[in-house]
Amino acid sequence: MKTLYVNKKSEISMLKHAFEMAGFRCYRVRTDCSCTGRDKSRNGILVIDGDTVRLEVARCKACAK
């Protein structure tokens, strides 16, 4: 599974709609990032193809850089 980091929550929504139009199932989730600090919980989506998670998209400004 590959992880993609984005800066804005609107980018998550745009990617979610694009993957759904391509035939994938997408679910909004709370996910963890690899940043140091107390709060690692981030907004994100999981892109699922059949029974396999193909991509995880998380919103983290520090990780996106």
N, C-alpha and C. Protein backbone atom coordinates (compact mmCIF):
# COMPACT_ATOMS: atom_id res chain seq x y z
N MET A 1 0.85 -1.18 0.00
CA MET A 1 0.00 0.00 0.00
C MET A 1 0.89 1.24 0.00
N LYS A 2 0.55 2.17 -0.83
CA LYS A 2 1.28 3.43 -0.94
C LYS A 2 0.52 4.51 -0.18
N THR A 3 1.26 5.45 0.42
CA THR A 3 0.65 6.56 1.14
C THR A 3 0.98 7.85 0.42
N LEU A 4 -0.06 8.65 0.18
CA LEU A 4 0.08 9.95 -0.47
C LEU A 4 -0.33 11.01 0.54
N TYR A 5 0.50 12.05 0.69
CA TYR A 5 0.21 13.14 1.62
C TYR A 5 -0.18 14.39 0.83
N VAL A 6 -1.23 15.07 1.30
CA VAL A 6 -1.70 16.31 0.68
C VAL A 6 -1.77 17.41 1.73
N ASN A 7 -1.86 18.66 1.28
CA ASN A 7 -1.89 19.81 2.19
C ASN A 7 -3.29 20.17 2.67
N LYS A 8 -4.28 20.06 1.79
CA LYS A 8 -5.61 20.56 2.11
C LYS A 8 -6.65 19.46 2.14
N LYS A 9 -7.67 19.67 2.95
CA LYS A 9 -8.77 18.72 3.03
C LYS A 9 -9.55 18.67 1.71
N SER A 10 -9.60 19.78 0.99
CA SER A 10 -10.29 19.80 -0.29
C SER A 10 -9.59 18.91 -1.32
N GLU A 11 -8.28 18.76 -1.20
CA GLU A 11 -7.55 17.87 -2.09
C GLU A 11 -7.93 16.41 -1.84
N ILE A 12 -8.22 16.08 -0.59
CA ILE A 12 -8.69 14.73 -0.27
C ILE A 12 -10.04 14.48 -0.94
N SER A 13 -10.94 15.44 -0.86
CA SER A 13 -12.26 15.29 -1.48
C SER A 13 -12.15 15.16 -2.99
N MET A 14 -11.27 15.95 -3.60
CA MET A 14 -11.09 15.89 -5.04
C MET A 14 -10.56 14.52 -5.47
N LEU A 15 -9.58 14.00 -4.75
CA LEU A 15 -9.04 12.67 -5.06
C LEU A 15 -10.07 11.58 -4.84
N LYS A 16 -10.88 11.73 -3.78
CA LYS A 16 -11.93 10.75 -3.50
C LYS A 16 -12.91 10.66 -4.65
N HIS A 17 -13.36 11.80 -5.14
CA HIS A 17 -14.31 11.82 -6.26
C HIS A 17 -13.68 11.26 -7.53
N ALA A 18 -12.42 11.57 -7.76
CA ALA A 18 -11.74 11.08 -8.97
C ALA A 18 -11.60 9.56 -8.94
N PHE A 19 -11.22 9.00 -7.80
CA PHE A 19 -11.07 7.55 -7.70
C PHE A 19 -12.42 6.84 -7.77
N GLU A 20 -13.47 7.46 -7.21
CA GLU A 20 -14.81 6.85 -7.31
C GLU A 20 -15.29 6.85 -8.75
N MET A 21 -14.99 7.88 -9.51
CA MET A 21 -15.37 7.92 -10.93
C MET A 21 -14.61 6.87 -11.74
N ALA A 22 -13.42 6.49 -11.26
CA ALA A 22 -12.61 5.47 -11.94
C ALA A 22 -13.03 4.06 -11.55
N GLY A 23 -13.98 3.92 -10.61
CA GLY A 23 -14.50 2.62 -10.25
C GLY A 23 -13.97 2.03 -8.96
N PHE A 24 -13.20 2.79 -8.20
CA PHE A 24 -12.69 2.31 -6.91
C PHE A 24 -13.66 2.66 -5.80
N ARG A 25 -13.60 1.91 -4.70
CA ARG A 25 -14.37 2.28 -3.51
C ARG A 25 -13.47 3.12 -2.62
N CYS A 26 -14.00 4.18 -2.04
CA CYS A 26 -13.23 5.09 -1.19
C CYS A 26 -13.96 5.31 0.13
N TYR A 27 -13.21 5.30 1.21
CA TYR A 27 -13.77 5.51 2.54
C TYR A 27 -12.97 6.58 3.27
N ARG A 28 -13.68 7.52 3.90
CA ARG A 28 -13.02 8.53 4.73
C ARG A 28 -12.66 7.89 6.06
N VAL A 29 -11.44 8.13 6.51
CA VAL A 29 -10.94 7.54 7.75
C VAL A 29 -10.11 8.57 8.51
N ARG A 30 -9.83 8.27 9.75
CA ARG A 30 -8.83 8.99 10.55
C ARG A 30 -7.60 8.10 10.53
N THR A 31 -6.47 8.63 10.13
CA THR A 31 -5.26 7.84 9.98
C THR A 31 -4.11 8.51 10.71
N ASP A 32 -3.03 7.79 10.89
CA ASP A 32 -1.84 8.33 11.56
C ASP A 32 -0.78 8.67 10.53
N CYS A 33 0.02 9.69 10.85
CA CYS A 33 1.14 10.04 9.97
C CYS A 33 2.44 9.75 10.72
N SER A 34 3.54 9.97 10.05
CA SER A 34 4.84 9.64 10.66
C SER A 34 5.52 10.86 11.30
N CYS A 35 4.79 11.91 11.55
CA CYS A 35 5.35 13.10 12.18
C CYS A 35 5.67 12.85 13.65
N THR A 36 6.59 13.65 14.17
CA THR A 36 6.84 13.60 15.60
C THR A 36 5.91 14.60 16.27
N GLY A 37 5.49 14.28 17.46
CA GLY A 37 4.57 15.16 18.17
C GLY A 37 3.47 14.37 18.83
N ARG A 38 2.59 15.08 19.48
CA ARG A 38 1.53 14.41 20.24
C ARG A 38 0.40 13.93 19.36
N ASP A 39 -0.14 14.80 18.53
CA ASP A 39 -1.33 14.46 17.75
C ASP A 39 -0.93 14.01 16.35
N LYS A 40 -0.99 12.72 16.09
CA LYS A 40 -0.64 12.18 14.78
C LYS A 40 -1.87 11.77 13.99
N SER A 41 -3.05 12.00 14.52
CA SER A 41 -4.29 11.60 13.87
C SER A 41 -4.65 12.62 12.79
N ARG A 42 -4.86 12.13 11.57
CA ARG A 42 -5.12 13.00 10.42
C ARG A 42 -6.35 12.55 9.65
N ASN A 43 -6.96 13.48 8.89
CA ASN A 43 -8.03 13.13 7.96
C ASN A 43 -7.42 12.39 6.79
N GLY A 44 -8.18 11.45 6.24
CA GLY A 44 -7.66 10.73 5.09
C GLY A 44 -8.73 9.89 4.42
N ILE A 45 -8.33 9.19 3.35
CA ILE A 45 -9.21 8.25 2.67
C ILE A 45 -8.41 6.99 2.36
N LEU A 46 -9.13 5.89 2.23
CA LEU A 46 -8.57 4.64 1.75
C LEU A 46 -9.19 4.35 0.40
N VAL A 47 -8.37 4.02 -0.59
CA VAL A 47 -8.83 3.67 -1.93
C VAL A 47 -8.72 2.16 -2.06
N ILE A 48 -9.86 1.50 -2.29
CA ILE A 48 -9.93 0.05 -2.29
C ILE A 48 -10.32 -0.46 -3.67
N ASP A 49 -9.57 -1.47 -4.14
CA ASP A 49 -9.84 -2.14 -5.40
C ASP A 49 -10.10 -3.60 -5.08
N GLY A 50 -11.36 -4.01 -5.15
CA GLY A 50 -11.71 -5.39 -4.77
C GLY A 50 -11.55 -5.56 -3.28
N ASP A 51 -10.60 -6.42 -2.87
CA ASP A 51 -10.34 -6.64 -1.45
C ASP A 51 -9.02 -6.03 -1.01
N THR A 52 -8.37 -5.29 -1.87
CA THR A 52 -7.03 -4.77 -1.60
C THR A 52 -7.05 -3.26 -1.45
N VAL A 53 -6.39 -2.77 -0.40
CA VAL A 53 -6.22 -1.32 -0.24
C VAL A 53 -5.08 -0.90 -1.15
N ARG A 54 -5.38 -0.08 -2.14
CA ARG A 54 -4.39 0.35 -3.12
C ARG A 54 -3.64 1.61 -2.70
N LEU A 55 -4.34 2.54 -2.03
CA LEU A 55 -3.73 3.83 -1.72
C LEU A 55 -4.35 4.39 -0.45
N GLU A 56 -3.51 5.03 0.35
CA GLU A 56 -3.97 5.76 1.52
C GLU A 56 -3.59 7.22 1.29
N VAL A 57 -4.55 8.11 1.41
CA VAL A 57 -4.32 9.54 1.24
C VAL A 57 -4.54 10.19 2.60
N ALA A 58 -3.53 10.93 3.08
CA ALA A 58 -3.62 11.57 4.39
C ALA A 58 -3.30 13.06 4.25
N ARG A 59 -3.96 13.87 5.07
CA ARG A 59 -3.70 15.31 5.06
C ARG A 59 -2.73 15.66 6.17
N CYS A 60 -1.51 15.96 5.79
CA CYS A 60 -0.49 16.38 6.75
C CYS A 60 0.45 17.36 6.05
N LYS A 61 0.45 18.59 6.46
CA LYS A 61 1.27 19.61 5.79
C LYS A 61 2.76 19.32 5.94
N ALA A 62 3.19 18.81 7.09
CA ALA A 62 4.61 18.53 7.30
C ALA A 62 5.07 17.36 6.45
N CYS A 63 4.28 16.32 6.37
CA CYS A 63 4.66 15.13 5.57
C CYS A 63 4.56 15.40 4.08
N ALA A 64 3.70 16.31 3.66
CA ALA A 64 3.53 16.62 2.24
C ALA A 64 4.76 17.32 1.67
N LYS A 65 5.49 18.00 2.53
CA LYS A 65 6.70 18.71 2.06
C LYS A 65 7.75 17.71 1.86
